[in-house]
C-alpha atoms as a PDB file:
ATOM      1  CA  MET A   1     141.597  82.144 -68.073  1.00  0.00           C
ATOM      2  CA  SER A   2     144.469  85.378 -67.963  1.00  0.00           C
ATOM      3  CA  GLU A   3     146.498  85.931 -65.561  1.00  0.00           C
ATOM      4  CA  ALA A   4     144.137  90.127 -65.034  1.00  0.00           C
ATOM      5  CA  ALA A   5     140.824  88.118 -65.320  1.00  0.00           C
ATOM      6  CA  ASN A   6     142.364  86.255 -62.656  1.00  0.00           C
ATOM      7  CA  ILE A   7     142.860  88.320 -59.973  1.00  0.00           C
ATOM      8  CA  THR A   8     139.657  90.587 -58.006  1.00  0.00           C
ATOM      9  CA  GLU A   9     139.970  93.480 -56.068  1.00  0.00           C
ATOM     10  CA  ASP A  10     138.264  93.729 -52.718  1.00  0.00           C
ATOM     11  CA  ALA A  11     137.272  95.903 -50.103  1.00  0.00           C
ATOM     12  CA  PHE A  12     137.872  95.353 -46.463  1.00  0.00           C
ATOM     13  CA  LEU A  13     137.591  97.507 -43.517  1.00  0.00           C
ATOM     14  CA  GLY A  14     134.295  99.118 -44.373  1.00  0.00           C
ATOM     15  CA  GLY A  15     136.377 100.256 -47.916  1.00  0.00           C
ATOM     16  CA  GLN A  16     139.714 101.494 -46.181  1.00  0.00           C
ATOM     17  CA  LEU A  17     141.598  99.152 -47.710  1.00  0.00           C
ATOM     18  CA  ARG A  18     141.491  97.277 -51.365  1.00  0.00           C
ATOM     19  CA  LEU A  19     143.015  94.286 -51.894  1.00  0.00           C
ATOM     20  CA  ARG A  20     144.164  92.618 -55.070  1.00  0.00           C
ATOM     21  CA  GLN A  21     143.978  89.191 -54.881  1.00  0.00           C
ATOM     22  CA  LYS A  22     143.846  85.590 -56.672  1.00  0.00           C
ATOM     23  CA  ARG A  23     140.005  84.724 -57.884  1.00  0.00           C
ATOM     24  CA  SER A  24     140.902  81.029 -56.856  1.00  0.00           C
ATOM     25  CA  GLY A  25     142.516  79.437 -54.076  1.00  0.00           C
ATOM     26  CA  HIS A  26     143.268  80.972 -50.146  1.00  0.00           C
ATOM     27  CA  ARG A  27     141.351  84.450 -50.495  1.00  0.00           C
ATOM     28  CA  ALA A  28     141.811  86.504 -47.603  1.00  0.00           C
ATOM     29  CA  GLY A  29     138.896  86.913 -44.836  1.00  0.00           C
ATOM     30  CA  HIS A  30     138.009  87.066 -41.055  1.00  0.00           C
ATOM     31  CA  ASP A  31     140.936  85.250 -39.433  1.00  0.00           C
ATOM     32  CA  ALA A  32     143.424  87.722 -41.270  1.00  0.00           C
ATOM     33  CA  ILE A  33     141.172  90.577 -39.715  1.00  0.00           C
ATOM     34  CA  LEU A  34     140.585  89.337 -36.516  1.00  0.00           C
ATOM     35  CA  LEU A  35     144.729  89.251 -36.345  1.00  0.00           C
ATOM     36  CA  ALA A  36     144.633  92.578 -37.140  1.00  0.00           C
ATOM     37  CA  ALA A  37     142.305  93.685 -34.371  1.00  0.00           C
ATOM     38  CA  ALA A  38     143.960  91.734 -32.138  1.00  0.00           C
ATOM     39  CA  THR A  39     147.712  93.040 -32.724  1.00  0.00           C
ATOM     40  CA  GLU A  40     149.152  95.840 -29.832  1.00  0.00           C
ATOM     41  CA  ALA A  41     151.339  98.190 -32.036  1.00  0.00           C
ATOM     42  CA  ARG A  42     152.598 101.821 -31.902  1.00  0.00           C
ATOM     43  CA  ALA A  43     153.499 104.705 -34.077  1.00  0.00           C
ATOM     44  CA  GLY A  44     157.260 104.252 -35.001  1.00  0.00           C
ATOM     45  CA  ASP A  45     157.282 100.037 -34.178  1.00  0.00           C
ATOM     46  CA  ARG A  46     158.985  97.760 -36.257  1.00  0.00           C
ATOM     47  CA  VAL A  47     156.084  95.132 -37.125  1.00  0.00           C
ATOM     48  CA  VAL A  48     156.484  92.048 -38.854  1.00  0.00           C
ATOM     49  CA  ASP A  49     153.466  89.654 -40.324  1.00  0.00           C
ATOM     50  CA  PHE A  50     154.750  85.631 -41.307  1.00  0.00           C
ATOM     51  CA  GLY A  51     153.431  84.303 -43.577  1.00  0.00           C
ATOM     52  CA  ALA A  52     151.143  87.696 -44.739  1.00  0.00           C
ATOM     53  CA  GLY A  53     150.157  86.426 -48.101  1.00  0.00           C
ATOM     54  CA  ILE A  54     148.969  89.329 -50.066  1.00  0.00           C
ATOM     55  CA  GLY A  55     149.091  91.198 -46.784  1.00  0.00           C
ATOM     56  CA  THR A  56     146.000  91.261 -45.373  1.00  0.00           C
ATOM     57  CA  ALA A  57     146.740  91.265 -41.658  1.00  0.00           C
ATOM     58  CA  GLY A  58     149.774  93.421 -41.729  1.00  0.00           C
ATOM     59  CA  LEU A  59     148.013  96.300 -43.869  1.00  0.00           C
ATOM     60  CA  ALA A  60     144.935  96.225 -42.131  1.00  0.00           C
ATOM     61  CA  LEU A  61     147.240  96.755 -38.481  1.00  0.00           C
ATOM     62  CA  ALA A  62     148.801  99.576 -40.303  1.00  0.00           C
ATOM     63  CA  CYS A  63     145.241 101.225 -41.668  1.00  0.00           C
ATOM     64  CA  ARG A  64     144.361 101.246 -37.702  1.00  0.00           C
ATOM     65  CA  ILE A  65     147.739 102.313 -36.420  1.00  0.00           C
ATOM     66  CA  PRO A  66     149.544 104.580 -38.976  1.00  0.00           C
ATOM     67  CA  GLY A  67     153.237 104.827 -38.829  1.00  0.00           C
ATOM     68  CA  ILE A  68     154.298 101.407 -37.674  1.00  0.00           C
ATOM     69  CA  ARG A  69     157.404 100.576 -40.195  1.00  0.00           C
ATOM     70  CA  LEU A  70     155.848  97.047 -41.337  1.00  0.00           C
ATOM     71  CA  GLY A  71     157.631  93.765 -43.290  1.00  0.00           C
ATOM     72  CA  LEU A  72     155.644  91.216 -45.117  1.00  0.00           C
ATOM     73  CA  VAL A  73     157.218  88.320 -45.085  1.00  0.00           C
ATOM     74  CA  GLU A  74     155.952  85.662 -47.344  1.00  0.00           C
ATOM     75  CA  ILE A  75     157.675  82.015 -49.066  1.00  0.00           C
ATOM     76  CA  ASP A  76     155.304  82.835 -52.293  1.00  0.00           C
ATOM     77  CA  PRO A  77     156.741  85.368 -54.700  1.00  0.00           C
ATOM     78  CA  GLU A  78     153.537  85.544 -56.256  1.00  0.00           C
ATOM     79  CA  LEU A  79     151.769  86.634 -52.997  1.00  0.00           C
ATOM     80  CA  ALA A  80     154.726  88.642 -52.190  1.00  0.00           C
ATOM     81  CA  GLY A  81     154.023  90.574 -55.344  1.00  0.00           C
ATOM     82  CA  LEU A  82     150.707  90.775 -54.547  1.00  0.00           C
ATOM     83  CA  ALA A  83     151.274  91.719 -51.337  1.00  0.00           C
ATOM     84  CA  ARG A  84     154.068  94.640 -52.667  1.00  0.00           C
ATOM     85  CA  ASP A  85     151.315  95.651 -55.125  1.00  0.00           C
ATOM     86  CA  ASN A  86     148.604  95.921 -52.416  1.00  0.00           C
ATOM     87  CA  ALA A  87     150.727  98.343 -49.987  1.00  0.00           C
ATOM     88  CA  ALA A  88     151.122 100.730 -52.854  1.00  0.00           C
ATOM     89  CA  VAL A  89     147.881 100.779 -54.109  1.00  0.00           C
ATOM     90  CA  ASN A  90     146.759 101.599 -50.360  1.00  0.00           C
ATOM     91  CA  ALA A  91     149.870 104.146 -49.862  1.00  0.00           C
ATOM     92  CA  ILE A  92     151.340 102.037 -46.992  1.00  0.00           C
ATOM     93  CA  ALA A  93     154.969 102.060 -46.388  1.00  0.00           C
ATOM     94  CA  ALA A  94     155.850  98.508 -45.965  1.00  0.00           C
ATOM     95  CA  GLU A  95     158.685  95.843 -47.394  1.00  0.00           C
ATOM     96  CA  THR A  96     157.452  93.067 -49.119  1.00  0.00           C
ATOM     97  CA  ILE A  97     160.029  90.241 -48.054  1.00  0.00           C
ATOM     98  CA  VAL A  98     160.320  86.534 -49.861  1.00  0.00           C
ATOM     99  CA  LEU A  99     161.187  84.388 -47.139  1.00  0.00           C
ATOM    100  CA  ASP A 100     160.495  80.774 -45.417  1.00  0.00           C
ATOM    101  CA  VAL A 101     159.650  81.698 -42.160  1.00  0.00           C
ATOM    102  CA  THR A 102     161.360  78.157 -41.003  1.00  0.00           C
ATOM    103  CA  ALA A 103     164.410  79.593 -42.877  1.00  0.00           C
ATOM    104  CA  ASP A 104     167.808  79.815 -40.072  1.00  0.00           C
ATOM    105  CA  ALA A 105     169.225  83.160 -38.577  1.00  0.00           C
ATOM    106  CA  GLU A 106     171.799  83.585 -41.516  1.00  0.00           C
ATOM    107  CA  ALA A 107     168.525  83.959 -43.780  1.00  0.00           C
ATOM    108  CA  PHE A 108     166.591  86.281 -41.803  1.00  0.00           C
ATOM    109  CA  ALA A 109     169.849  88.558 -41.339  1.00  0.00           C
ATOM    110  CA  SER A 110     170.548  88.966 -44.937  1.00  0.00           C
ATOM    111  CA  HIS A 111     167.011  90.141 -45.024  1.00  0.00           C
ATOM    112  CA  GLY A 112     167.718  92.646 -42.345  1.00  0.00           C
ATOM    113  CA  LEU A 113     165.575  90.714 -39.734  1.00  0.00           C
ATOM    114  CA  SER A 114     168.164  90.450 -37.128  1.00  0.00           C
ATOM    115  CA  PRO A 115     167.710  89.377 -33.362  1.00  0.00           C
ATOM    116  CA  ASP A 116     166.325  91.499 -31.350  1.00  0.00           C
ATOM    117  CA  SER A 117     165.332  93.834 -33.866  1.00  0.00           C
ATOM    118  CA  VAL A 118     161.853  93.603 -34.233  1.00  0.00           C
ATOM    119  CA  ASP A 119     159.016  95.068 -31.529  1.00  0.00           C
ATOM    120  CA  VAL A 120     155.937  92.983 -32.820  1.00  0.00           C
ATOM    121  CA  VAL A 121     155.130  89.651 -34.907  1.00  0.00           C
ATOM    122  CA  LEU A 122     151.411  88.720 -35.701  1.00  0.00           C
ATOM    123  CA  MET A 123     151.194  85.808 -37.643  1.00  0.00           C
ATOM    124  CA  ASN A 124     148.384  82.925 -39.321  1.00  0.00           C
ATOM    125  CA  PRO A 125     150.960  80.014 -39.591  1.00  0.00           C
ATOM    126  CA  PRO A 126     149.443  77.463 -41.811  1.00  0.00           C
ATOM    127  CA  PHE A 127     146.915  75.171 -39.141  1.00  0.00           C
ATOM    128  CA  ASN A 128     145.006  73.138 -40.820  1.00  0.00           C
ATOM    129  CA  ASP A 129     145.484  69.601 -39.430  1.00  0.00           C
ATOM    130  CA  PRO A 130     146.789  67.274 -42.157  1.00  0.00           C
ATOM    131  CA  THR A 131     144.817  63.634 -41.173  1.00  0.00           C
ATOM    132  CA  ARG A 132     141.866  65.752 -41.360  1.00  0.00           C
ATOM    133  CA  HIS A 133     142.189  68.222 -44.265  1.00  0.00           C
ATOM    134  CA  ARG A 134     142.777  67.197 -47.957  1.00  0.00           C
ATOM    135  CA  GLY A 135     146.031  69.435 -48.813  1.00  0.00           C
ATOM    136  CA  SER A 136     146.707  71.145 -52.505  1.00  0.00           C
ATOM    137  CA  PRO A 137     149.291  68.867 -54.504  1.00  0.00           C
ATOM    138  CA  ASP A 138     151.098  72.220 -55.368  1.00  0.00           C
ATOM    139  CA  GLN A 139     153.620  72.428 -52.798  1.00  0.00           C
ATOM    140  CA  LEU A 140     153.219  75.740 -51.993  1.00  0.00           C
ATOM    141  CA  ARG A 141     150.285  75.823 -51.942  1.00  0.00           C
ATOM    142  CA  HIS A 142     149.869  72.734 -49.642  1.00  0.00           C
ATOM    143  CA  SER A 143     152.655  74.532 -47.323  1.00  0.00           C
ATOM    144  CA  ALA A 144     150.554  77.684 -46.545  1.00  0.00           C
ATOM    145  CA  HIS A 145     147.458  75.756 -45.226  1.00  0.00           C
ATOM    146  CA  VAL A 146     148.889  72.725 -43.624  1.00  0.00           C
ATOM    147  CA  ALA A 147     150.409  72.324 -40.598  1.00  0.00           C
ATOM    148  CA  THR A 148     153.524  69.516 -39.592  1.00  0.00           C
ATOM    149  CA  GLU A 149     154.339  69.008 -36.223  1.00  0.00           C
ATOM    150  CA  GLU A 150     156.919  71.312 -36.432  1.00  0.00           C
ATOM    151  CA  THR A 151     155.231  74.222 -38.077  1.00  0.00           C
ATOM    152  CA  LEU A 152     153.780  75.469 -34.732  1.00  0.00           C
ATOM    153  CA  HIS A 153     157.281  75.174 -33.160  1.00  0.00           C
ATOM    154  CA  ALA A 154     159.219  76.609 -35.919  1.00  0.00           C
ATOM    155  CA  TRP A 155     157.326  79.816 -36.308  1.00  0.00           C
ATOM    156  CA  VAL A 156     157.166  80.826 -32.721  1.00  0.00           C
ATOM    157  CA  HIS A 157     161.258  80.247 -32.722  1.00  0.00           C
ATOM    158  CA  ALA A 158     161.799  82.433 -35.417  1.00  0.00           C
ATOM    159  CA  ALA A 159     159.639  85.316 -33.961  1.00  0.00           C
ATOM    160  CA  ARG A 160     161.344  84.345 -30.758  1.00  0.00           C
ATOM    161  CA  ARG A 161     164.716  84.927 -32.241  1.00  0.00           C
ATOM    162  CA  ILE A 162     163.493  88.236 -34.004  1.00  0.00           C
ATOM    163  CA  LEU A 163     161.492  89.826 -31.511  1.00  0.00           C
ATOM    164  CA  ARG A 164     163.151  92.351 -28.852  1.00  0.00           C
ATOM    165  CA  SER A 165     162.921  91.662 -24.998  1.00  0.00           C
ATOM    166  CA  ASN A 166     159.025  92.427 -24.160  1.00  0.00           C
ATOM    167  CA  GLY A 167     158.750  92.359 -27.658  1.00  0.00           C
ATOM    168  CA  VAL A 168     155.018  91.028 -28.477  1.00  0.00           C
ATOM    169  CA  LEU A 169     153.747  88.266 -30.741  1.00  0.00           C
ATOM    170  CA  THR A 170     150.174  88.018 -31.598  1.00  0.00           C
ATOM    171  CA  LEU A 171     148.881  84.514 -33.743  1.00  0.00           C
ATOM    172  CA  ILE A 172     145.537  83.113 -34.632  1.00  0.00           C
ATOM    173  CA  TRP A 173     145.332  79.260 -34.522  1.00  0.00           C
ATOM    174  CA  ARG A 174     142.841  76.428 -34.396  1.00  0.00           C
ATOM    175  CA  ALA A 175     140.785  76.072 -31.244  1.00  0.00           C
ATOM    176  CA  ASP A 176     141.450  72.389 -30.757  1.00  0.00           C
ATOM    177  CA  GLY A 177     145.192  72.881 -31.003  1.00  0.00           C
ATOM    178  CA  ILE A 178     145.592  75.454 -28.096  1.00  0.00           C
ATOM    179  CA  ALA A 179     147.691  72.910 -26.389  1.00  0.00           C
ATOM    180  CA  ASP A 180     150.459  72.902 -29.179  1.00  0.00           C
ATOM    181  CA  VAL A 181     149.990  76.637 -28.978  1.00  0.00           C
ATOM    182  CA  LEU A 182     150.669  76.569 -24.862  1.00  0.00           C
ATOM    183  CA  ALA A 183     153.732  74.361 -25.852  1.00  0.00           C
ATOM    184  CA  ALA A 184     155.577  76.318 -28.632  1.00  0.00           C
ATOM    185  CA  LEU A 185     154.996  79.584 -26.190  1.00  0.00           C
ATOM    186  CA  SER A 186     156.387  77.733 -23.098  1.00  0.00           C
ATOM    187  CA  ARG A 187     159.870  78.505 -23.929  1.00  0.00           C
ATOM    188  CA  GLY A 188     160.723  82.115 -24.009  1.00  0.00           C
ATOM    189  CA  PHE A 189     156.863  83.787 -24.126  1.00  0.00           C
ATOM    190  CA  GLY A 190     154.812  84.630 -21.146  1.00  0.00           C
ATOM    191  CA  SER A 191     152.187  86.783 -20.250  1.00  0.00           C
ATOM    192  CA  LEU A 192     149.581  85.353 -22.426  1.00  0.00           C
ATOM    193  CA  ALA A 193     146.643  86.369 -23.334  1.00  0.00           C
ATOM    194  CA  ILE A 194     144.029  83.933 -25.027  1.00  0.00           C
ATOM    195  CA  LEU A 195     140.602  84.911 -26.502  1.00  0.00           C
ATOM    196  CA  PRO A 196     138.491  82.095 -28.026  1.00  0.00           C
ATOM    197  CA  VAL A 197     136.503  82.999 -30.988  1.00  0.00           C
ATOM    198  CA  HIS A 198     133.025  81.192 -31.865  1.00  0.00           C
ATOM    199  CA  GLY A 199     131.064  80.541 -34.730  1.00  0.00           C
ATOM    200  CA  GLU A 200     128.011  80.827 -32.655  1.00  0.00           C
ATOM    201  CA  ALA A 201     127.185  81.283 -29.296  1.00  0.00           C
ATOM    202  CA  GLY A 202     126.926  77.979 -27.489  1.00  0.00           C
ATOM    203  CA  ARG A 203     128.951  76.161 -29.675  1.00  0.00           C
ATOM    204  CA  PRO A 204     132.499  75.490 -29.012  1.00  0.00           C
ATOM    205  CA  ALA A 205     134.980  77.890 -30.259  1.00  0.00           C
ATOM    206  CA  ILE A 206     136.488  77.554 -33.668  1.00  0.00           C
ATOM    207  CA  ARG A 207     139.477  79.684 -33.614  1.00  0.00           C
ATOM    208  CA  VAL A 208     142.369  81.178 -30.400  1.00  0.00           C
ATOM    209  CA  LEU A 209     144.003  84.357 -30.956  1.00  0.00           C
ATOM    210  CA  VAL A 210     146.495  84.576 -27.914  1.00  0.00           C
ATOM    211  CA  ARG A 211     148.798  88.019 -27.229  1.00  0.00           C
ATOM    212  CA  ALA A 212     152.358  86.432 -25.986  1.00  0.00           C
ATOM    213  CA  VAL A 213     155.335  88.904 -24.387  1.00  0.00           C
ATOM    214  CA  LYS A 214     159.080  87.700 -25.039  1.00  0.00           C
ATOM    215  CA  GLY A 215     160.237  87.625 -21.451  1.00  0.00           C
ATOM    216  CA  GLY A 216     156.851  88.001 -20.247  1.00  0.00           C
ATOM    217  CA  ARG A 217     155.984  86.998 -16.281  1.00  0.00           C
ATOM    218  CA  ALA A 218     152.404  88.110 -15.583  1.00  0.00           C
ATOM    219  CA  PRO A 219     149.765  85.119 -15.189  1.00  0.00           C
ATOM    220  CA  THR A 220     148.068  84.160 -18.669  1.00  0.00           C
ATOM    221  CA  ARG A 221     144.687  85.902 -18.284  1.00  0.00           C
ATOM    222  CA  LEU A 222     141.938  83.656 -20.593  1.00  0.00           C
ATOM    223  CA  LEU A 223     139.061  86.517 -21.829  1.00  0.00           C
ATOM    224  CA  PRO A 224     135.665  85.988 -22.544  1.00  0.00           C
ATOM    225  CA  GLY A 225     134.937  84.257 -25.823  1.00  0.00           C
ATOM    226  CA  LEU A 226     134.227  86.763 -29.068  1.00  0.00           C
ATOM    227  CA  MET A 227     130.994  85.789 -30.721  1.00  0.00           C
ATOM    228  CA  LEU A 228     131.188  85.936 -35.056  1.00  0.00           C
ATOM    229  CA  ASN A 229     127.729  85.728 -35.480  1.00  0.00           C
ATOM    230  CA  ASP A 230     125.500  86.046 -32.739  1.00  0.00           C
ATOM    231  CA  GLU A 231     122.200  87.806 -33.103  1.00  0.00           C
ATOM    232  CA  SER A 232     122.094  90.193 -30.158  1.00  0.00           C
ATOM    233  CA  GLY A 233     122.398  93.927 -31.480  1.00  0.00           C
ATOM    234  CA  ALA A 234     125.457  94.577 -28.828  1.00  0.00           C
ATOM    235  CA  SER A 235     127.599  91.498 -30.337  1.00  0.00           C
ATOM    236  CA  LYS A 236     126.717  92.661 -33.837  1.00  0.00           C
ATOM    237  CA  ASN A 237     127.646  96.047 -33.450  1.00  0.00           C
ATOM    238  CA  GLU A 238     131.142  94.863 -32.007  1.00  0.00           C
ATOM    239  CA  MET A 239     131.485  92.313 -34.920  1.00  0.00           C
ATOM    240  CA  ARG A 240     130.968  95.633 -37.526  1.00  0.00           C
ATOM    241  CA  GLU A 241     133.168  97.955 -35.871  1.00  0.00           C
ATOM    242  CA  ILE A 242     135.946  95.145 -35.709  1.00  0.00           C
ATOM    243  CA  LEU A 243     136.008  94.554 -39.109  1.00  0.00           C
ATOM    244  CA  GLU A 244     135.112  97.756 -40.230  1.00  0.00           C
ATOM    245  CA  GLY A 245     138.746  98.459 -38.531  1.00  0.00           C
ATOM    246  CA  ARG A 246     137.319 100.671 -36.121  1.00  0.00           C
ATOM    247  CA  ALA A 247     138.296  99.134 -32.583  1.00  0.00           C
ATOM    248  CA  ALA A 248     140.390  96.470 -31.371  1.00  0.00           C
ATOM    249  CA  LEU A 249     140.303  93.088 -29.488  1.00  0.00           C
ATOM    250  CA  PRO A 250     140.589  92.906 -25.845  1.00  0.00           C
ATOM    251  CA  LEU A 251     144.216  91.523 -26.674  1.00  0.00           C
ATOM    252  CA  VAL A 252     145.185  95.308 -27.533  1.00  0.00           C
ATOM    253  CA  GLU A 253     145.973  96.333 -23.914  1.00  0.00           C
ATOM    254  CA  PRO A 254     144.904 100.178 -23.346  1.00  0.00           C
END
């Protein structure tokens, strides 16, 4: 198959966002769109998407909040190239940075990501449990999906370093790993808001979306769960509004 034939162009946010992505392997889905809908930002904010892939979450956020100063950080040069193309196709100003999120402060600073310089970080780290998930033999693909014991702590540490005081981190993770999320955020973050995401009503949550504030001191809030597949009319309408980019999730403060 030719390189061009291995690329598809797909519509997101009800057609507001068009993304080129590889036909095989990991493809953009609900996790990235929910992460964007859970992220709070304002025009003029410097926003960095860690592990951006083809740019889905960061670009979806930029569709909802025009005027953010967006950086897309991705370790895989091929995916970073697609993210760069996707930003251009959608006429969204974004800087694409090829960088390992676990790199040291000097590497970040060399790309303009110095300590205390960013308002918002959003991230969808690799979160598959290596004891239950058979990873790809390709090292980059493996690292994009399978977490080590240090993954979450390393990514949160990098976010804490570049965020300004009172800067906001939003992340998505496996629901059964919520203890790991709380442990990673226990140093330097507070004012947590946690949104469980359920595949179906009456079933355990499959994801958690978490908003944390650098230096925040407010009590942790556990929000009512979000149902992805609920036959009730109100819930279906809510999900449609979110997936089409017309509404934000409750983690976004009014």
